[in-house]
PDB file of N, CA and C in Angstrom:
ATOM      1  N   LEU A   1     222.673 174.252 203.572  1.00  0.00           N
ATOM      2  CA  LEU A   1     222.637 175.697 203.689  1.00  0.00           C
ATOM      3  C   LEU A   1     222.009 176.122 205.012  1.00  0.00           C
ATOM      4  N   ILE A   2     222.413 177.243 205.453  1.00  0.00           N
ATOM      5  CA  ILE A   2     221.898 177.786 206.710  1.00  0.00           C
ATOM      6  C   ILE A   2     220.538 178.418 206.473  1.00  0.00           C
ATOM      7  N   ASP A   3     219.619 178.174 207.369  1.00  0.00           N
ATOM      8  CA  ASP A   3     218.318 178.849 207.325  1.00  0.00           C
ATOM      9  C   ASP A   3     218.480 180.165 208.077  1.00  0.00           C
ATOM     10  N   TYR A   4     218.931 181.180 207.363  1.00  0.00           N
ATOM     11  CA  TYR A   4     219.266 182.465 207.978  1.00  0.00           C
ATOM     12  C   TYR A   4     218.085 183.057 208.740  1.00  0.00           C
ATOM     13  N   SER A   5     216.914 183.021 208.139  1.00  0.00           N
ATOM     14  CA  SER A   5     215.736 183.621 208.784  1.00  0.00           C
ATOM     15  C   SER A   5     215.480 183.005 210.151  1.00  0.00           C
ATOM     16  N   THR A   6     215.558 181.698 210.244  1.00  0.00           N
ATOM     17  CA  THR A   6     215.296 181.019 211.509  1.00  0.00           C
ATOM     18  C   THR A   6     216.255 181.499 212.595  1.00  0.00           C
ATOM     19  N   TYR A   7     217.525 181.549 212.287  1.00  0.00           N
ATOM     20  CA  TYR A   7     218.512 181.957 213.289  1.00  0.00           C
ATOM     21  C   TYR A   7     218.415 183.437 213.623  1.00  0.00           C
ATOM     22  N   ILE A   8     218.137 184.257 212.618  1.00  0.00           N
ATOM     23  CA  ILE A   8     217.963 185.692 212.873  1.00  0.00           C
ATOM     24  C   ILE A   8     216.759 185.908 213.782  1.00  0.00           C
ATOM     25  N   PHE A   9     215.643 185.214 213.511  1.00  0.00           N
ATOM     26  CA  PHE A   9     214.449 185.375 214.338  1.00  0.00           C
ATOM     27  C   PHE A   9     214.660 184.822 215.738  1.00  0.00           C
ATOM     28  N   LYS A  10     215.410 183.728 215.872  1.00  0.00           N
ATOM     29  CA  LYS A  10     215.709 183.196 217.207  1.00  0.00           C
ATOM     30  C   LYS A  10     216.508 184.205 218.024  1.00  0.00           C
ATOM     31  N   ALA A  11     217.518 184.792 217.416  1.00  0.00           N
ATOM     32  CA  ALA A  11     218.323 185.797 218.108  1.00  0.00           C
ATOM     33  C   ALA A  11     217.480 187.014 218.457  1.00  0.00           C
ATOM     34  N   ARG A  12     216.625 187.437 217.531  1.00  0.00           N
ATOM     35  CA  ARG A  12     215.739 188.585 217.779  1.00  0.00           C
ATOM     36  C   ARG A  12     214.803 188.295 218.946  1.00  0.00           C
ATOM     37  N   ASP A  13     214.246 187.098 218.970  1.00  0.00           N
ATOM     38  CA  ASP A  13     213.323 186.736 220.045  1.00  0.00           C
ATOM     39  C   ASP A  13     214.003 186.753 221.409  1.00  0.00           C
ATOM     40  N   VAL A  14     215.205 186.215 221.494  1.00  0.00           N
ATOM     41  CA  VAL A  14     215.936 186.235 222.760  1.00  0.00           C
ATOM     42  C   VAL A  14     216.204 187.670 223.178  1.00  0.00           C
ATOM     43  N   TYR A  15     216.617 188.492 222.234  1.00  0.00           N
ATOM     44  CA  TYR A  15     216.926 189.889 222.524  1.00  0.00           C
ATOM     45  C   TYR A  15     215.693 190.644 223.015  1.00  0.00           C
ATOM     46  N   HIS A  16     214.559 190.427 222.375  1.00  0.00           N
ATOM     47  CA  HIS A  16     213.346 191.150 222.748  1.00  0.00           C
ATOM     48  C   HIS A  16     212.658 190.567 223.990  1.00  0.00           C
ATOM     49  N   TRP A  17     212.821 189.284 224.239  1.00  0.00           N
ATOM     50  CA  TRP A  17     212.181 188.668 225.405  1.00  0.00           C
ATOM     51  C   TRP A  17     212.953 188.965 226.687  1.00  0.00           C
ATOM     52  N   HIS A  18     214.192 189.343 226.570  1.00  0.00           N
ATOM     53  CA  HIS A  18     215.029 189.569 227.743  1.00  0.00           C
ATOM     54  C   HIS A  18     215.688 190.952 227.661  1.00  0.00           C
ATOM     55  N   PRO A  19     214.900 192.011 227.703  1.00  0.00           N
ATOM     56  CA  PRO A  19     215.478 193.359 227.533  1.00  0.00           C
ATOM     57  C   PRO A  19     216.407 193.781 228.666  1.00  0.00           C
ATOM     58  N   GLN A  20     216.393 193.058 229.776  1.00  0.00           N
ATOM     59  CA  GLN A  20     217.274 193.415 230.880  1.00  0.00           C
ATOM     60  C   GLN A  20     218.728 193.082 230.564  1.00  0.00           C
ATOM     61  N   TYR A  21     218.958 192.242 229.564  1.00  0.00           N
ATOM     62  CA  TYR A  21     220.321 191.905 229.175  1.00  0.00           C
ATOM     63  C   TYR A  21     220.838 192.933 228.182  1.00  0.00           C
ATOM     64  N   ALA A  22     222.135 193.111 228.160  1.00  0.00           N
ATOM     65  CA  ALA A  22     222.746 194.130 227.296  1.00  0.00           C
ATOM     66  C   ALA A  22     222.761 193.722 225.832  1.00  0.00           C
ATOM     67  N   GLY A  23     222.611 192.458 225.529  1.00  0.00           N
ATOM     68  CA  GLY A  23     222.676 192.028 224.134  1.00  0.00           C
ATOM     69  C   GLY A  23     222.539 190.536 224.006  1.00  0.00           C
ATOM     70  N   VAL A  24     222.867 190.075 222.842  1.00  0.00           N
ATOM     71  CA  VAL A  24     222.774 188.657 222.514  1.00  0.00           C
ATOM     72  C   VAL A  24     224.137 188.211 222.001  1.00  0.00           C
ATOM     73  N   VAL A  25     224.571 187.052 222.432  1.00  0.00           N
ATOM     74  CA  VAL A  25     225.796 186.466 221.915  1.00  0.00           C
ATOM     75  C   VAL A  25     225.388 185.397 220.911  1.00  0.00           C
ATOM     76  N   ILE A  26     225.919 185.511 219.713  1.00  0.00           N
ATOM     77  CA  ILE A  26     225.620 184.554 218.657  1.00  0.00           C
ATOM     78  C   ILE A  26     226.903 183.791 218.377  1.00  0.00           C
ATOM     79  N   VAL A  27     226.868 182.481 218.507  1.00  0.00           N
ATOM     80  CA  VAL A  27     228.070 181.679 218.337  1.00  0.00           C
ATOM     81  C   VAL A  27     227.823 180.527 217.371  1.00  0.00           C
ATOM     82  N   CYS A  28     228.895 180.098 216.740  1.00  0.00           N
ATOM     83  CA  CYS A  28     228.903 178.871 215.949  1.00  0.00           C
ATOM     84  C   CYS A  28     230.182 178.126 216.327  1.00  0.00           C
ATOM     85  N   HIS A  29     230.513 177.106 215.612  1.00  0.00           N
ATOM     86  CA  HIS A  29     231.659 176.274 215.974  1.00  0.00           C
ATOM     87  C   HIS A  29     232.958 177.073 216.081  1.00  0.00           C
ATOM     88  N   ALA A  30     233.268 177.876 215.073  1.00  0.00           N
ATOM     89  CA  ALA A  30     234.534 178.601 215.072  1.00  0.00           C
ATOM     90  C   ALA A  30     234.387 180.088 215.373  1.00  0.00           C
ATOM     91  N   GLY A  31     233.204 180.648 215.148  1.00  0.00           N
ATOM     92  CA  GLY A  31     232.986 182.062 215.427  1.00  0.00           C
ATOM     93  C   GLY A  31     233.587 183.001 214.403  1.00  0.00           C
ATOM     94  N   ILE A  32     233.853 182.494 213.222  1.00  0.00           N
ATOM     95  CA  ILE A  32     234.520 183.292 212.201  1.00  0.00           C
ATOM     96  C   ILE A  32     233.549 183.778 211.128  1.00  0.00           C
ATOM     97  N   SER A  33     232.645 182.919 210.686  1.00  0.00           N
ATOM     98  CA  SER A  33     231.831 183.253 209.524  1.00  0.00           C
ATOM     99  C   SER A  33     230.329 183.188 209.788  1.00  0.00           C
ATOM    100  N   ARG A  34     229.822 182.013 210.127  1.00  0.00           N
ATOM    101  CA  ARG A  34     228.367 181.833 210.249  1.00  0.00           C
ATOM    102  C   ARG A  34     227.742 182.702 211.323  1.00  0.00           C
ATOM    103  N   SER A  35     228.299 182.686 212.510  1.00  0.00           N
ATOM    104  CA  SER A  35     227.713 183.475 213.598  1.00  0.00           C
ATOM    105  C   SER A  35     227.769 184.962 213.291  1.00  0.00           C
ATOM    106  N   ASN A  36     228.842 185.395 212.677  1.00  0.00           N
ATOM    107  CA  ASN A  36     228.953 186.800 212.312  1.00  0.00           C
ATOM    108  C   ASN A  36     227.958 187.177 211.220  1.00  0.00           C
ATOM    109  N   ALA A  37     227.697 186.260 210.305  1.00  0.00           N
ATOM    110  CA  ALA A  37     226.686 186.506 209.273  1.00  0.00           C
ATOM    111  C   ALA A  37     225.307 186.657 209.907  1.00  0.00           C
ATOM    112  N   ILE A  38     225.000 185.833 210.887  1.00  0.00           N
ATOM    113  CA  ILE A  38     223.706 185.936 211.570  1.00  0.00           C
ATOM    114  C   ILE A  38     223.633 187.251 212.343  1.00  0.00           C
ATOM    115  N   ALA A  39     224.739 187.675 212.951  1.00  0.00           N
ATOM    116  CA  ALA A  39     224.753 188.961 213.653  1.00  0.00           C
ATOM    117  C   ALA A  39     224.480 190.106 212.685  1.00  0.00           C
ATOM    118  N   VAL A  40     225.078 190.069 211.513  1.00  0.00           N
ATOM    119  CA  VAL A  40     224.815 191.089 210.490  1.00  0.00           C
ATOM    120  C   VAL A  40     223.345 191.053 210.098  1.00  0.00           C
ATOM    121  N   GLY A  41     222.818 189.852 209.921  1.00  0.00           N
ATOM    122  CA  GLY A  41     221.403 189.709 209.572  1.00  0.00           C
ATOM    123  C   GLY A  41     220.481 190.264 210.642  1.00  0.00           C
ATOM    124  N   LEU A  42     220.793 190.016 211.906  1.00  0.00           N
ATOM    125  CA  LEU A  42     219.977 190.531 213.006  1.00  0.00           C
ATOM    126  C   LEU A  42     220.000 192.054 213.036  1.00  0.00           C
ATOM    127  N   LEU A  43     221.172 192.631 212.914  1.00  0.00           N
ATOM    128  CA  LEU A  43     221.277 194.093 212.922  1.00  0.00           C
ATOM    129  C   LEU A  43     220.526 194.701 211.737  1.00  0.00           C
ATOM    130  N   THR A  44     220.623 194.054 210.587  1.00  0.00           N
ATOM    131  CA  THR A  44     219.912 194.532 209.399  1.00  0.00           C
ATOM    132  C   THR A  44     218.410 194.417 209.611  1.00  0.00           C
ATOM    133  N   TYR A  45     217.970 193.293 210.151  1.00  0.00           N
ATOM    134  CA  TYR A  45     216.548 193.091 210.417  1.00  0.00           C
ATOM    135  C   TYR A  45     216.020 194.158 211.381  1.00  0.00           C
ATOM    136  N   GLU A  46     216.851 194.540 212.348  1.00  0.00           N
ATOM    137  CA  GLU A  46     216.451 195.528 213.349  1.00  0.00           C
ATOM    138  C   GLU A  46     216.509 196.963 212.818  1.00  0.00           C
ATOM    139  N   GLY A  47     216.907 197.130 211.562  1.00  0.00           N
ATOM    140  CA  GLY A  47     216.822 198.447 210.940  1.00  0.00           C
ATOM    141  C   GLY A  47     218.138 199.099 210.554  1.00  0.00           C
ATOM    142  N   MET A  48     219.250 198.471 210.884  1.00  0.00           N
ATOM    143  CA  MET A  48     220.536 199.056 210.516  1.00  0.00           C
ATOM    144  C   MET A  48     220.799 198.799 209.029  1.00  0.00           C
ATOM    145  N   ASN A  49     221.462 199.729 208.382  1.00  0.00           N
ATOM    146  CA  ASN A  49     221.881 199.540 207.001  1.00  0.00           C
ATOM    147  C   ASN A  49     222.775 198.297 206.927  1.00  0.00           C
ATOM    148  N   PHE A  50     222.570 197.458 205.920  1.00  0.00           N
ATOM    149  CA  PHE A  50     223.308 196.197 205.784  1.00  0.00           C
ATOM    150  C   PHE A  50     224.819 196.421 205.836  1.00  0.00           C
ATOM    151  N   TYR A  51     225.296 197.379 205.068  1.00  0.00           N
ATOM    152  CA  TYR A  51     226.743 197.608 204.994  1.00  0.00           C
ATOM    153  C   TYR A  51     227.290 198.193 206.300  1.00  0.00           C
ATOM    154  N   ASP A  52     226.504 198.993 206.976  1.00  0.00           N
ATOM    155  CA  ASP A  52     226.915 199.494 208.290  1.00  0.00           C
ATOM    156  C   ASP A  52     226.984 198.347 209.291  1.00  0.00           C
ATOM    157  N   ALA A  53     226.000 197.446 209.231  1.00  0.00           N
ATOM    158  CA  ALA A  53     225.991 196.277 210.118  1.00  0.00           C
ATOM    159  C   ALA A  53     227.207 195.398 209.849  1.00  0.00           C
ATOM    160  N   LEU A  54     227.514 195.203 208.586  1.00  0.00           N
ATOM    161  CA  LEU A  54     228.672 194.391 208.218  1.00  0.00           C
ATOM    162  C   LEU A  54     229.963 195.007 208.759  1.00  0.00           C
ATOM    163  N   GLU A  55     230.116 196.290 208.594  1.00  0.00           N
ATOM    164  CA  GLU A  55     231.323 196.963 209.087  1.00  0.00           C
ATOM    165  C   GLU A  55     231.386 196.953 210.613  1.00  0.00           C
ATOM    166  N   LEU A  56     230.247 197.115 211.275  1.00  0.00           N
ATOM    167  CA  LEU A  56     230.221 197.072 212.734  1.00  0.00           C
ATOM    168  C   LEU A  56     230.676 195.714 213.258  1.00  0.00           C
ATOM    169  N   VAL A  57     230.123 194.645 212.690  1.00  0.00           N
ATOM    170  CA  VAL A  57     230.498 193.298 213.135  1.00  0.00           C
ATOM    171  C   VAL A  57     231.983 193.065 212.865  1.00  0.00           C
ATOM    172  N   LYS A  58     232.451 193.444 211.698  1.00  0.00           N
ATOM    173  CA  LYS A  58     233.877 193.266 211.385  1.00  0.00           C
ATOM    174  C   LYS A  58     234.771 194.049 212.349  1.00  0.00           C
ATOM    175  N   SER A  59     234.304 195.221 212.771  1.00  0.00           N
ATOM    176  CA  SER A  59     235.120 196.038 213.676  1.00  0.00           C
ATOM    177  C   SER A  59     235.122 195.503 215.113  1.00  0.00           C
ATOM    178  N   LYS A  60     234.099 194.747 215.489  1.00  0.00           N
ATOM    179  CA  LYS A  60     233.990 194.252 216.860  1.00  0.00           C
ATOM    180  C   LYS A  60     234.519 192.835 217.050  1.00  0.00           C
ATOM    181  N   VAL A  61     234.567 192.053 215.968  1.00  0.00           N
ATOM    182  CA  VAL A  61     234.972 190.645 216.066  1.00  0.00           C
ATOM    183  C   VAL A  61     236.281 190.481 215.307  1.00  0.00           C
ATOM    184  N   TYR A  62     237.378 190.400 216.034  1.00  0.00           N
ATOM    185  CA  TYR A  62     238.695 190.415 215.394  1.00  0.00           C
ATOM    186  C   TYR A  62     238.936 189.224 214.474  1.00  0.00           C
ATOM    187  N   ILE A  63     238.254 188.109 214.668  1.00  0.00           N
ATOM    188  CA  ILE A  63     238.436 186.943 213.801  1.00  0.00           C
ATOM    189  C   ILE A  63     237.367 186.852 212.711  1.00  0.00           C
ATOM    190  N   CYS A  64     236.559 187.886 212.580  1.00  0.00           N
ATOM    191  CA  CYS A  64     235.465 187.876 211.611  1.00  0.00           C
ATOM    192  C   CYS A  64     236.002 187.755 210.187  1.00  0.00           C
ATOM    193  N   ASN A  65     235.520 186.762 209.485  1.00  0.00           N
ATOM    194  CA  ASN A  65     235.853 186.572 208.074  1.00  0.00           C
ATOM    195  C   ASN A  65     234.654 185.871 207.432  1.00  0.00           C
ATOM    196  N   ILE A  66     233.601 186.622 207.185  1.00  0.00           N
ATOM    197  CA  ILE A  66     232.354 186.053 206.677  1.00  0.00           C
ATOM    198  C   ILE A  66     232.552 185.578 205.244  1.00  0.00           C
ATOM    199  N   GLU A  67     232.249 184.323 205.008  1.00  0.00           N
ATOM    200  CA  GLU A  67     232.388 183.753 203.670  1.00  0.00           C
ATOM    201  C   GLU A  67     231.431 184.449 202.706  1.00  0.00           C
ATOM    202  N   PRO A  68     231.878 184.665 201.464  1.00  0.00           N
ATOM    203  CA  PRO A  68     231.050 185.349 200.471  1.00  0.00           C
ATOM    204  C   PRO A  68     229.670 184.720 200.259  1.00  0.00           C
ATOM    205  N   VAL A  69     229.556 183.417 200.413  1.00  0.00           N
ATOM    206  CA  VAL A  69     228.246 182.774 200.234  1.00  0.00           C
ATOM    207  C   VAL A  69     227.243 183.292 201.267  1.00  0.00           C
ATOM    208  N   HIS A  70     227.699 183.551 202.478  1.00  0.00           N
ATOM    209  CA  HIS A  70     226.813 184.072 203.514  1.00  0.00           C
ATOM    210  C   HIS A  70     226.388 185.506 203.202  1.00  0.00           C
ATOM    211  N   ILE A  71     227.323 186.298 202.707  1.00  0.00           N
ATOM    212  CA  ILE A  71     227.001 187.674 202.326  1.00  0.00           C
ATOM    213  C   ILE A  71     225.960 187.671 201.206  1.00  0.00           C
ATOM    214  N   ARG A  72     226.170 186.831 200.197  1.00  0.00           N
ATOM    215  CA  ARG A  72     225.208 186.751 199.077  1.00  0.00           C
ATOM    216  C   ARG A  72     223.823 186.345 199.550  1.00  0.00           C
ATOM    217  N   ARG A  73     223.768 185.351 200.431  1.00  0.00           N
ATOM    218  CA  ARG A  73     222.463 184.867 200.916  1.00  0.00           C
ATOM    219  C   ARG A  73     221.760 185.930 201.756  1.00  0.00           C
ATOM    220  N   LEU A  74     222.492 186.649 202.584  1.00  0.00           N
ATOM    221  CA  LEU A  74     221.882 187.719 203.376  1.00  0.00           C
ATOM    222  C   LEU A  74     221.370 188.831 202.467  1.00  0.00           C
ATOM    223  N   LYS A  75     222.144 189.173 201.448  1.00  0.00           N
ATOM    224  CA  LYS A  75     221.699 190.204 200.505  1.00  0.00           C
ATOM    225  C   LYS A  75     220.409 189.769 199.812  1.00  0.00           C
ATOM    226  N   GLN A  76     220.331 188.505 199.438  1.00  0.00           N
ATOM    227  CA  GLN A  76     219.096 187.979 198.834  1.00  0.00           C
ATOM    228  C   GLN A  76     217.937 188.081 199.819  1.00  0.00           C
ATOM    229  N   LEU A  77     218.174 187.680 201.051  1.00  0.00           N
ATOM    230  CA  LEU A  77     217.135 187.692 202.078  1.00  0.00           C
ATOM    231  C   LEU A  77     216.583 189.091 202.286  1.00  0.00           C
ATOM    232  N   PHE A  78     217.449 190.095 202.283  1.00  0.00           N
ATOM    233  CA  PHE A  78     217.019 191.467 202.536  1.00  0.00           C
ATOM    234  C   PHE A  78     216.779 192.282 201.271  1.00  0.00           C
ATOM    235  N   GLY A  79     216.880 191.644 200.110  1.00  0.00           N
ATOM    236  CA  GLY A  79     216.609 192.329 198.861  1.00  0.00           C
ATOM    237  C   GLY A  79     217.614 193.422 198.531  1.00  0.00           C
ATOM    238  N   ILE A  80     218.846 193.212 198.899  1.00  0.00           N
ATOM    239  CA  ILE A  80     219.891 194.199 198.629  1.00  0.00           C
ATOM    240  C   ILE A  80     220.495 193.890 197.271  1.00  0.00           C
ATOM    241  N   THR A  81     220.450 194.854 196.380  1.00  0.00           N
ATOM    242  CA  THR A  81     220.893 194.608 195.006  1.00  0.00           C
ATOM    243  C   THR A  81     222.218 195.265 194.664  1.00  0.00           C
ATOM    244  N   ARG A  82     222.627 196.262 195.415  1.00  0.00           N
ATOM    245  CA  ARG A  82     223.898 196.910 195.077  1.00  0.00           C
ATOM    246  C   ARG A  82     225.060 196.074 195.607  1.00  0.00           C
ATOM    247  N   PRO A  83     226.226 196.215 194.959  1.00  0.00           N
ATOM    248  CA  PRO A  83     227.389 195.388 195.339  1.00  0.00           C
ATOM    249  C   PRO A  83     227.903 195.622 196.736  1.00  0.00           C
TER     250      PRO A  83
END
């Protein structure tokens, strides 16, 4: 299983340590599920509504297809109980 917190905090640290950059690129092997799940987690951690973050990532990444297991784990991590 992915340690979501570790990757979310790593991305957050890069983003906050280098404010001169426009953003952070989060990648995994295929760029379809895991990296997009971490991006949703980072946006949620930074204060965006989980579902808004999910829709934003889906709208920006044309190959985004986050596996349901990642969505469930992120919801657990952030204490999101609604469907």
